[in-house]
C-alpha atoms as a PDB file:
ATOM      1  CA  MET A   1      -0.130  -0.092  -0.204  1.00  0.00           C
ATOM      2  CA  LEU A   2       3.048   2.125  -0.521  1.00  0.00           C
ATOM      3  CA  GLN A   3       4.254   4.732  -3.058  1.00  0.00           C
ATOM      4  CA  ASN A   4       7.176   3.749  -5.436  1.00  0.00           C
ATOM      5  CA  THR A   5       9.869   5.549  -7.122  1.00  0.00           C
ATOM      6  CA  ILE A   6      12.747   3.913  -8.824  1.00  0.00           C
ATOM      7  CA  ARG A   7      16.152   2.700  -7.332  1.00  0.00           C
ATOM      8  CA  LYS A   8      18.363   4.452  -9.587  1.00  0.00           C
ATOM      9  CA  GLU A   9      18.418   6.673 -12.604  1.00  0.00           C
ATOM     10  CA  ILE A  10      17.914   5.310 -16.301  1.00  0.00           C
ATOM     11  CA  SER A  11      18.156   7.506 -19.727  1.00  0.00           C
ATOM     12  CA  ILE A  12      16.770   6.585 -23.415  1.00  0.00           C
ATOM     13  CA  SER A  13      16.579   8.095 -26.812  1.00  0.00           C
ATOM     14  CA  GLY A  14      14.758   8.255 -29.394  1.00  0.00           C
ATOM     15  CA  ILE A  15      12.462   9.230 -32.276  1.00  0.00           C
ATOM     16  CA  GLY A  16       9.324  11.399 -31.189  1.00  0.00           C
ATOM     17  CA  LEU A  17       6.108   9.824 -32.686  1.00  0.00           C
ATOM     18  CA  HIS A  18       4.683  13.157 -33.867  1.00  0.00           C
ATOM     19  CA  THR A  19       7.215  15.300 -33.970  1.00  0.00           C
ATOM     20  CA  GLY A  20      10.104  13.327 -35.770  1.00  0.00           C
ATOM     21  CA  LYS A  21      12.653  14.475 -33.601  1.00  0.00           C
ATOM     22  CA  ASN A  22      15.497  13.146 -31.624  1.00  0.00           C
ATOM     23  CA  VAL A  23      14.616  13.555 -28.030  1.00  0.00           C
ATOM     24  CA  ASN A  24      16.757  11.960 -25.165  1.00  0.00           C
ATOM     25  CA  ILE A  25      15.189  11.580 -21.454  1.00  0.00           C
ATOM     26  CA  ARG A  26      16.086  10.839 -18.087  1.00  0.00           C
ATOM     27  CA  LEU A  27      14.528   9.285 -15.112  1.00  0.00           C
ATOM     28  CA  LYS A  28      15.079  10.066 -11.489  1.00  0.00           C
ATOM     29  CA  PRO A  29      14.209   8.857  -8.377  1.00  0.00           C
ATOM     30  CA  ALA A  30      11.404  11.107  -6.851  1.00  0.00           C
ATOM     31  CA  SER A  31      10.370  11.549  -3.217  1.00  0.00           C
ATOM     32  CA  VAL A  32       7.206  10.896  -1.409  1.00  0.00           C
ATOM     33  CA  ASP A  33       4.084  12.717  -2.933  1.00  0.00           C
ATOM     34  CA  SER A  34       6.265  14.551  -6.137  1.00  0.00           C
ATOM     35  CA  GLY A  35       4.328  12.477  -8.410  1.00  0.00           C
ATOM     36  CA  ILE A  36       4.814  11.650 -12.449  1.00  0.00           C
ATOM     37  CA  VAL A  37       6.801  15.179 -13.348  1.00  0.00           C
ATOM     38  CA  PHE A  38       8.237  16.342 -16.598  1.00  0.00           C
ATOM     39  CA  ILE A  39      10.950  18.762 -16.830  1.00  0.00           C
ATOM     40  CA  ARG A  40      11.649  20.402 -20.683  1.00  0.00           C
ATOM     41  CA  THR A  41      15.559  20.661 -20.111  1.00  0.00           C
ATOM     42  CA  ASP A  42      15.402  22.105 -23.327  1.00  0.00           C
ATOM     43  CA  LEU A  43      13.530  24.759 -22.139  1.00  0.00           C
ATOM     44  CA  PRO A  44      14.361  28.498 -20.418  1.00  0.00           C
ATOM     45  CA  GLY A  45      13.787  27.820 -17.057  1.00  0.00           C
ATOM     46  CA  ARG A  46      12.931  24.130 -17.013  1.00  0.00           C
ATOM     47  CA  PRO A  47       9.560  24.153 -16.716  1.00  0.00           C
ATOM     48  CA  MET A  48       8.119  20.920 -14.944  1.00  0.00           C
ATOM     49  CA  THR A  49       4.836  19.967 -15.479  1.00  0.00           C
ATOM     50  CA  LYS A  50       2.714  17.177 -13.159  1.00  0.00           C
ATOM     51  CA  ALA A  51       1.547  14.480 -15.384  1.00  0.00           C
ATOM     52  CA  ASP A  52      -2.289  15.455 -13.058  1.00  0.00           C
ATOM     53  CA  ILE A  53      -5.558  14.904 -15.020  1.00  0.00           C
ATOM     54  CA  LYS A  54      -5.606  19.071 -14.494  1.00  0.00           C
ATOM     55  CA  ASN A  55      -2.944  19.583 -16.538  1.00  0.00           C
ATOM     56  CA  VAL A  56      -3.974  17.932 -19.783  1.00  0.00           C
ATOM     57  CA  SER A  57      -3.755  20.360 -23.158  1.00  0.00           C
ATOM     58  CA  SER A  58      -5.453  18.062 -25.836  1.00  0.00           C
ATOM     59  CA  THR A  59      -6.208  14.858 -26.768  1.00  0.00           C
ATOM     60  CA  VAL A  60      -5.383  14.863 -30.597  1.00  0.00           C
ATOM     61  CA  ARG A  61      -3.560  12.028 -31.543  1.00  0.00           C
ATOM     62  CA  GLY A  62      -2.094  11.541 -28.122  1.00  0.00           C
ATOM     63  CA  THR A  63      -2.700  12.596 -24.692  1.00  0.00           C
ATOM     64  CA  ASN A  64      -0.426  16.305 -24.391  1.00  0.00           C
ATOM     65  CA  LEU A  65       0.414  17.566 -20.675  1.00  0.00           C
ATOM     66  CA  GLY A  66       1.097  21.594 -21.774  1.00  0.00           C
ATOM     67  CA  ASN A  67       4.635  21.382 -23.367  1.00  0.00           C
ATOM     68  CA  VAL A  68       4.977  17.391 -23.119  1.00  0.00           C
ATOM     69  CA  ASN A  69       3.484  15.459 -25.952  1.00  0.00           C
ATOM     70  CA  THR A  70       2.295  12.068 -26.721  1.00  0.00           C
ATOM     71  CA  ILE A  71       3.172  11.125 -22.522  1.00  0.00           C
ATOM     72  CA  GLU A  72       0.700   7.893 -22.684  1.00  0.00           C
ATOM     73  CA  HIS A  73       3.197   4.978 -23.633  1.00  0.00           C
ATOM     74  CA  ILE A  74       5.215   5.833 -21.102  1.00  0.00           C
ATOM     75  CA  LEU A  75       2.836   6.732 -18.274  1.00  0.00           C
ATOM     76  CA  SER A  76       0.916   3.857 -18.944  1.00  0.00           C
ATOM     77  CA  ALA A  77       4.389   1.370 -18.542  1.00  0.00           C
ATOM     78  CA  LEU A  78       5.037   3.648 -15.186  1.00  0.00           C
ATOM     79  CA  TYR A  79       1.178   3.293 -13.465  1.00  0.00           C
ATOM     80  CA  ALA A  80       1.501  -0.338 -14.767  1.00  0.00           C
ATOM     81  CA  LEU A  81       4.856  -0.727 -12.463  1.00  0.00           C
ATOM     82  CA  SER A  82       3.218   0.998  -9.638  1.00  0.00           C
ATOM     83  CA  ILE A  83       5.683   3.993  -9.924  1.00  0.00           C
ATOM     84  CA  THR A  84       4.380   7.231  -8.209  1.00  0.00           C
ATOM     85  CA  ASN A  85       7.025   9.008  -7.982  1.00  0.00           C
ATOM     86  CA  LEU A  86       9.566  10.371 -10.887  1.00  0.00           C
ATOM     87  CA  TYR A  87      11.250  13.083 -12.409  1.00  0.00           C
ATOM     88  CA  VAL A  88      11.360  12.471 -16.390  1.00  0.00           C
ATOM     89  CA  GLU A  89      13.803  15.215 -17.535  1.00  0.00           C
ATOM     90  CA  ILE A  90      13.214  15.648 -21.406  1.00  0.00           C
ATOM     91  CA  ASP A  91      14.766  18.068 -24.035  1.00  0.00           C
ATOM     92  CA  GLY A  92      12.192  17.634 -26.484  1.00  0.00           C
ATOM     93  CA  PRO A  93       8.455  18.198 -27.198  1.00  0.00           C
ATOM     94  CA  GLU A  94       7.465  14.409 -26.825  1.00  0.00           C
ATOM     95  CA  PRO A  95       9.402  11.225 -25.204  1.00  0.00           C
ATOM     96  CA  PRO A  96      10.884   8.938 -27.561  1.00  0.00           C
ATOM     97  CA  ALA A  97       8.137   6.154 -29.565  1.00  0.00           C
ATOM     98  CA  LEU A  98      10.798   3.840 -29.601  1.00  0.00           C
ATOM     99  CA  ASP A  99       9.278   0.663 -31.125  1.00  0.00           C
ATOM    100  CA  GLY A 100       5.501   1.965 -30.629  1.00  0.00           C
ATOM    101  CA  SER A 101       4.634   0.202 -27.107  1.00  0.00           C
ATOM    102  CA  SER A 102       5.636   0.641 -23.963  1.00  0.00           C
ATOM    103  CA  LYS A 103       8.035  -2.729 -24.088  1.00  0.00           C
ATOM    104  CA  GLN A 104      11.063  -0.633 -23.983  1.00  0.00           C
ATOM    105  CA  TYR A 105      10.143   1.606 -20.954  1.00  0.00           C
ATOM    106  CA  SER A 106       8.850  -1.327 -18.887  1.00  0.00           C
ATOM    107  CA  GLY A 107      11.921  -2.952 -19.075  1.00  0.00           C
ATOM    108  CA  LEU A 108      13.924  -0.154 -17.940  1.00  0.00           C
ATOM    109  CA  ILE A 109      11.359   0.565 -15.112  1.00  0.00           C
ATOM    110  CA  ALA A 110      11.979  -2.908 -14.407  1.00  0.00           C
ATOM    111  CA  GLY A 111      15.740  -3.091 -14.756  1.00  0.00           C
ATOM    112  CA  ALA A 112      16.172  -0.156 -12.368  1.00  0.00           C
ATOM    113  CA  GLY A 113      14.702  -1.198  -9.586  1.00  0.00           C
ATOM    114  CA  ILE A 114      11.698  -0.615  -7.673  1.00  0.00           C
ATOM    115  CA  ILE A 115      12.044   1.001  -3.784  1.00  0.00           C
ATOM    116  CA  ASP A 116       9.056   1.309  -1.399  1.00  0.00           C
ATOM    117  CA  GLN A 117       8.250   4.793   0.162  1.00  0.00           C
ATOM    118  CA  ALA A 118       6.596   5.666   3.530  1.00  0.00           C
ATOM    119  CA  SER A 119       3.364   6.960   2.169  1.00  0.00           C
ATOM    120  CA  GLU A 120       0.456   5.119   1.361  1.00  0.00           C
ATOM    121  CA  VAL A 121      -1.312   5.654  -2.217  1.00  0.00           C
ATOM    122  CA  LYS A 122      -4.376   7.049  -2.899  1.00  0.00           C
ATOM    123  CA  CYS A 123      -7.349   5.359  -4.303  1.00  0.00           C
ATOM    124  CA  ILE A 124     -10.367   5.903  -6.545  1.00  0.00           C
ATOM    125  CA  THR A 125     -13.059   3.688  -5.849  1.00  0.00           C
ATOM    126  CA  VAL A 126     -16.340   3.357  -7.986  1.00  0.00           C
ATOM    127  CA  ASN A 127     -19.213   2.507  -6.235  1.00  0.00           C
ATOM    128  CA  GLU A 128     -21.854   3.554  -9.007  1.00  0.00           C
ATOM    129  CA  PRO A 129     -21.375   3.058 -13.087  1.00  0.00           C
ATOM    130  CA  VAL A 130     -20.323   5.983 -14.728  1.00  0.00           C
ATOM    131  CA  PHE A 131     -21.092   6.825 -17.965  1.00  0.00           C
ATOM    132  CA  ILE A 132     -19.634   8.639 -20.981  1.00  0.00           C
ATOM    133  CA  ALA A 133     -21.097   8.148 -24.922  1.00  0.00           C
ATOM    134  CA  GLU A 134     -20.104  10.107 -27.804  1.00  0.00           C
ATOM    135  CA  ASP A 135     -20.512   9.465 -31.607  1.00  0.00           C
ATOM    136  CA  GLY A 136     -21.482   6.006 -31.180  1.00  0.00           C
ATOM    137  CA  LYS A 137     -18.218   5.658 -28.687  1.00  0.00           C
ATOM    138  CA  CYS A 138     -18.255   5.050 -25.063  1.00  0.00           C
ATOM    139  CA  ILE A 139     -16.620   4.252 -22.124  1.00  0.00           C
ATOM    140  CA  ILE A 140     -18.077   3.024 -18.669  1.00  0.00           C
ATOM    141  CA  ALA A 141     -16.818   2.767 -15.054  1.00  0.00           C
ATOM    142  CA  VAL A 142     -18.620   0.066 -13.344  1.00  0.00           C
ATOM    143  CA  PRO A 143     -17.862  -0.839  -9.685  1.00  0.00           C
ATOM    144  CA  SER A 144     -15.101  -3.897  -9.236  1.00  0.00           C
ATOM    145  CA  ASP A 145     -12.553  -4.396  -6.292  1.00  0.00           C
ATOM    146  CA  ARG A 146      -9.828  -4.443  -8.882  1.00  0.00           C
ATOM    147  CA  PHE A 147      -8.641  -2.590 -11.281  1.00  0.00           C
ATOM    148  CA  THR A 148      -9.541  -4.239 -14.485  1.00  0.00           C
ATOM    149  CA  VAL A 149     -10.268  -3.074 -18.569  1.00  0.00           C
ATOM    150  CA  SER A 150     -12.722  -4.988 -21.002  1.00  0.00           C
ATOM    151  CA  PHE A 151     -11.758  -3.119 -24.546  1.00  0.00           C
ATOM    152  CA  MET A 152     -13.868  -3.923 -28.151  1.00  0.00           C
ATOM    153  CA  ILE A 153     -13.158  -1.947 -31.374  1.00  0.00           C
ATOM    154  CA  ASN A 154     -13.806  -2.609 -34.852  1.00  0.00           C
ATOM    155  CA  TYR A 155     -13.580  -1.609 -38.028  1.00  0.00           C
ATOM    156  CA  PRO A 156     -15.327  -2.255 -41.341  1.00  0.00           C
ATOM    157  CA  LEU A 157     -12.208  -3.275 -43.115  1.00  0.00           C
ATOM    158  CA  GLY A 158     -12.708  -7.852 -43.201  1.00  0.00           C
ATOM    159  CA  PHE A 159      -9.216  -8.360 -42.125  1.00  0.00           C
ATOM    160  CA  ILE A 160      -9.350  -6.262 -38.385  1.00  0.00           C
ATOM    161  CA  GLY A 161     -13.535  -6.808 -37.618  1.00  0.00           C
ATOM    162  CA  THR A 162     -14.475  -6.915 -34.134  1.00  0.00           C
ATOM    163  CA  GLN A 163     -11.247  -7.140 -31.581  1.00  0.00           C
ATOM    164  CA  PHE A 164     -12.177  -7.774 -27.510  1.00  0.00           C
ATOM    165  CA  TYR A 165      -9.415  -8.434 -25.287  1.00  0.00           C
ATOM    166  CA  LYS A 166     -10.087  -8.389 -21.462  1.00  0.00           C
ATOM    167  CA  PHE A 167      -7.120  -7.325 -18.653  1.00  0.00           C
ATOM    168  CA  GLU A 168      -6.846  -7.495 -15.609  1.00  0.00           C
ATOM    169  CA  LEU A 169      -3.881  -5.248 -14.238  1.00  0.00           C
ATOM    170  CA  ASN A 170      -1.087  -6.699 -12.998  1.00  0.00           C
ATOM    171  CA  SER A 171       2.583  -6.170 -13.712  1.00  0.00           C
ATOM    172  CA  ARG A 172       3.686  -9.234 -14.543  1.00  0.00           C
ATOM    173  CA  LYS A 173       0.806 -10.067 -17.052  1.00  0.00           C
ATOM    174  CA  TYR A 174       1.086  -5.853 -18.229  1.00  0.00           C
ATOM    175  CA  VAL A 175       4.762  -6.917 -19.409  1.00  0.00           C
ATOM    176  CA  LYS A 176       3.978  -9.778 -21.349  1.00  0.00           C
ATOM    177  CA  ASP A 177       0.121  -9.270 -22.477  1.00  0.00           C
ATOM    178  CA  ILE A 178      -0.387  -4.956 -23.124  1.00  0.00           C
ATOM    179  CA  ALA A 179       3.618  -3.421 -23.037  1.00  0.00           C
ATOM    180  CA  PRO A 180       4.580  -5.276 -26.357  1.00  0.00           C
ATOM    181  CA  ALA A 181       1.160  -3.682 -28.135  1.00  0.00           C
ATOM    182  CA  ARG A 182       2.184  -1.020 -30.705  1.00  0.00           C
ATOM    183  CA  THR A 183       0.276   2.177 -31.728  1.00  0.00           C
ATOM    184  CA  TYR A 184      -1.034   1.431 -35.145  1.00  0.00           C
ATOM    185  CA  GLY A 185      -2.049   3.874 -38.317  1.00  0.00           C
ATOM    186  CA  PHE A 186      -3.522   4.062 -42.000  1.00  0.00           C
ATOM    187  CA  ILE A 187      -1.505   3.903 -44.179  1.00  0.00           C
ATOM    188  CA  ASP A 188      -4.631   6.204 -46.415  1.00  0.00           C
ATOM    189  CA  GLU A 189      -4.247   8.875 -43.547  1.00  0.00           C
ATOM    190  CA  LEU A 190      -0.323   9.185 -43.509  1.00  0.00           C
ATOM    191  CA  GLU A 191      -0.475  12.465 -45.692  1.00  0.00           C
ATOM    192  CA  ALA A 192      -3.231  14.008 -44.033  1.00  0.00           C
ATOM    193  CA  LEU A 193      -1.819  13.624 -40.972  1.00  0.00           C
ATOM    194  CA  LYS A 194       1.892  14.969 -41.712  1.00  0.00           C
ATOM    195  CA  LYS A 195       0.040  18.014 -43.329  1.00  0.00           C
ATOM    196  CA  GLN A 196      -1.090  18.449 -39.914  1.00  0.00           C
ATOM    197  CA  GLY A 197       2.426  18.297 -38.092  1.00  0.00           C
ATOM    198  CA  LEU A 198       1.543  15.282 -36.922  1.00  0.00           C
ATOM    199  CA  ALA A 199       2.962  11.742 -37.129  1.00  0.00           C
ATOM    200  CA  LEU A 200       6.177  12.951 -38.859  1.00  0.00           C
ATOM    201  CA  GLY A 201       8.425  10.318 -36.995  1.00  0.00           C
ATOM    202  CA  ALA A 202       6.149   7.152 -38.032  1.00  0.00           C
ATOM    203  CA  GLY A 203       7.746   4.430 -39.827  1.00  0.00           C
ATOM    204  CA  GLU A 204       7.526   0.649 -39.620  1.00  0.00           C
ATOM    205  CA  ASN A 205       9.777   0.272 -36.817  1.00  0.00           C
ATOM    206  CA  ASN A 206       7.989   2.104 -34.146  1.00  0.00           C
ATOM    207  CA  ALA A 207       3.652   1.451 -35.930  1.00  0.00           C
ATOM    208  CA  VAL A 208       1.138  -1.247 -36.787  1.00  0.00           C
ATOM    209  CA  ALA A 209       1.023   0.371 -40.688  1.00  0.00           C
ATOM    210  CA  ILE A 210      -2.649  -0.793 -41.852  1.00  0.00           C
ATOM    211  CA  GLY A 211      -3.265  -0.730 -46.051  1.00  0.00           C
ATOM    212  CA  ARG A 212      -6.509  -1.535 -47.870  1.00  0.00           C
ATOM    213  CA  ASP A 213      -6.400  -5.026 -48.203  1.00  0.00           C
ATOM    214  CA  GLY A 214      -3.904  -5.931 -44.864  1.00  0.00           C
ATOM    215  CA  TYR A 215      -1.175  -5.162 -42.039  1.00  0.00           C
ATOM    216  CA  LEU A 216       1.673  -4.004 -43.431  1.00  0.00           C
ATOM    217  CA  THR A 217       3.562  -4.283 -40.283  1.00  0.00           C
ATOM    218  CA  LYS A 218       3.401  -8.318 -38.812  1.00  0.00           C
ATOM    219  CA  LEU A 219       1.737  -8.768 -35.859  1.00  0.00           C
ATOM    220  CA  ARG A 220       2.947  -9.134 -32.416  1.00  0.00           C
ATOM    221  CA  PHE A 221      -0.537 -10.586 -31.033  1.00  0.00           C
ATOM    222  CA  LYS A 222      -3.843 -11.150 -33.977  1.00  0.00           C
ATOM    223  CA  ASP A 223      -5.388  -8.450 -31.744  1.00  0.00           C
ATOM    224  CA  GLU A 224      -2.400  -6.352 -31.123  1.00  0.00           C
ATOM    225  CA  LEU A 225      -4.633  -3.317 -31.778  1.00  0.00           C
ATOM    226  CA  VAL A 226      -7.367  -3.359 -29.011  1.00  0.00           C
ATOM    227  CA  ARG A 227      -4.463  -4.279 -26.749  1.00  0.00           C
ATOM    228  CA  HIS A 228      -2.686  -1.335 -27.719  1.00  0.00           C
ATOM    229  CA  LYS A 229      -5.828   0.640 -26.900  1.00  0.00           C
ATOM    230  CA  ILE A 230      -6.048  -0.514 -23.403  1.00  0.00           C
ATOM    231  CA  LEU A 231      -2.415   0.333 -23.263  1.00  0.00           C
ATOM    232  CA  ASP A 232      -3.615   4.030 -23.853  1.00  0.00           C
ATOM    233  CA  LEU A 233      -6.290   3.394 -21.471  1.00  0.00           C
ATOM    234  CA  ILE A 234      -4.066   2.544 -19.026  1.00  0.00           C
ATOM    235  CA  GLY A 235      -1.686   5.423 -19.730  1.00  0.00           C
ATOM    236  CA  ASP A 236      -4.343   8.367 -19.695  1.00  0.00           C
ATOM    237  CA  LEU A 237      -5.905   6.844 -16.491  1.00  0.00           C
ATOM    238  CA  SER A 238      -2.711   7.359 -14.603  1.00  0.00           C
ATOM    239  CA  LEU A 239      -3.150  11.146 -14.705  1.00  0.00           C
ATOM    240  CA  LEU A 240      -5.464  10.382 -12.103  1.00  0.00           C
ATOM    241  CA  GLY A 241      -2.574  10.265  -9.592  1.00  0.00           C
ATOM    242  CA  ALA A 242      -3.937   7.262  -7.742  1.00  0.00           C
ATOM    243  CA  GLN A 243      -4.966   3.681  -7.848  1.00  0.00           C
ATOM    244  CA  ILE A 244      -8.279   2.667  -9.590  1.00  0.00           C
ATOM    245  CA  LYS A 245     -10.692   0.223  -7.981  1.00  0.00           C
ATOM    246  CA  ALA A 246     -12.768  -0.125 -10.751  1.00  0.00           C
ATOM    247  CA  HIS A 247     -14.080  -1.881 -13.979  1.00  0.00           C
ATOM    248  CA  ILE A 248     -13.764  -0.062 -17.139  1.00  0.00           C
ATOM    249  CA  ILE A 249     -15.342  -0.864 -20.034  1.00  0.00           C
ATOM    250  CA  GLY A 250     -14.476   1.279 -23.860  1.00  0.00           C
ATOM    251  CA  ILE A 251     -16.125   0.533 -26.722  1.00  0.00           C
ATOM    252  CA  ARG A 252     -14.459   1.865 -29.414  1.00  0.00           C
ATOM    253  CA  SER A 253     -12.878   4.905 -26.993  1.00  0.00           C
ATOM    254  CA  GLY A 254     -10.019   7.094 -27.876  1.00  0.00           C
ATOM    255  CA  HIS A 255      -8.036   9.365 -25.481  1.00  0.00           C
ATOM    256  CA  GLY A 256     -10.735  12.638 -25.546  1.00  0.00           C
ATOM    257  CA  LEU A 257     -12.924  10.156 -23.901  1.00  0.00           C
ATOM    258  CA  ASN A 258     -11.053   8.607 -21.773  1.00  0.00           C
ATOM    259  CA  ILE A 259      -9.898  11.829 -20.441  1.00  0.00           C
ATOM    260  CA  LYS A 260     -13.334  12.833 -19.750  1.00  0.00           C
ATOM    261  CA  LEU A 261     -14.172   9.636 -17.793  1.00  0.00           C
ATOM    262  CA  ALA A 262     -10.809  10.288 -15.745  1.00  0.00           C
ATOM    263  CA  LYS A 263     -11.789  13.590 -15.176  1.00  0.00           C
ATOM    264  CA  LYS A 264     -15.266  12.190 -13.656  1.00  0.00           C
ATOM    265  CA  LEU A 265     -13.233   9.557 -11.654  1.00  0.00           C
ATOM    266  CA  ALA A 266     -11.337  12.573 -10.333  1.00  0.00           C
ATOM    267  CA  LEU A 267     -13.930  13.514  -8.198  1.00  0.00           C
ATOM    268  CA  ARG A 268     -14.322  10.047  -6.393  1.00  0.00           C
ATOM    269  CA  GLN A 269     -10.289  10.154  -4.946  1.00  0.00           C
ATOM    270  CA  ASP A 270     -10.379   9.018  -1.568  1.00  0.00           C
ATOM    271  CA  SER A 271      -8.175   5.934   0.375  1.00  0.00           C
ATOM    272  CA  ALA A 272      -5.579   4.096   0.189  1.00  0.00           C
ATOM    273  CA  PHE A 273      -5.647   0.759  -2.077  1.00  0.00           C
ATOM    274  CA  THR A 274      -3.190  -1.826  -2.582  1.00  0.00           C
ATOM    275  CA  PRO A 275      -1.176  -1.094  -6.127  1.00  0.00           C
ATOM    276  CA  PRO A 276      -0.711  -3.647  -8.813  1.00  0.00           C
ATOM    277  CA  THR A 277       1.269  -6.420  -7.636  1.00  0.00           C
ATOM    278  CA  ALA A 278       4.275  -8.258  -9.538  1.00  0.00           C
ATOM    279  CA  GLY A 279       2.855 -11.671  -8.928  1.00  0.00           C
END
């Protein structure tokens, strides 16, 4: 029931998914009740932004916090491995995309070691259903004694069709079944995204590319797309800064709905709750 940080500093470099710029990040241990804090070392005054639902500035093709964008993949790994206090020094506008998943982030964090701290983790308990629906998409939180996610996506392309996956948060299972699932995109949308200044760093090494007639990238799981949606959802809900006691059901949900749900759940933050175990 204690907060956690990493035992030693770690660092990694890579290309940002949307900016296409090379960026370096360094993860440093932080004291009790610090939360996850991003520090832009390349900007005057080294401005700091806490990973907090109140600081979300945009959910266009990712979740953005002030001057740090696309933070959901690293936050997903941190949350699943129970890291509650950390300084993330970053010399660019978004963390490295790496392979488009949270696999490398999870490995780095586990390799750094995790230590308990002398303060309890806060908890959000859902005692009655919370429901949000927009444009044929919805996300629901219902009572549960564990943080569980059920997610469904569907696309008119026959080779994708409908995908469903249910996952009960557990750090070991996350590393095996969720962290390796990569972000994905449709080739037909790529040029339009680039004209908007997005997906400038996207490529075959950091995303599942989808054509009209099939996948252009070899899949890691036959349902890799929906698993990545769960990865994103965990990262988005981590902005609550608390452990979650609920079953989250997502139907074609994305960052926008995820964050709207998180804002509603923020009102329910109360007592301490045991963080995800490694067993």
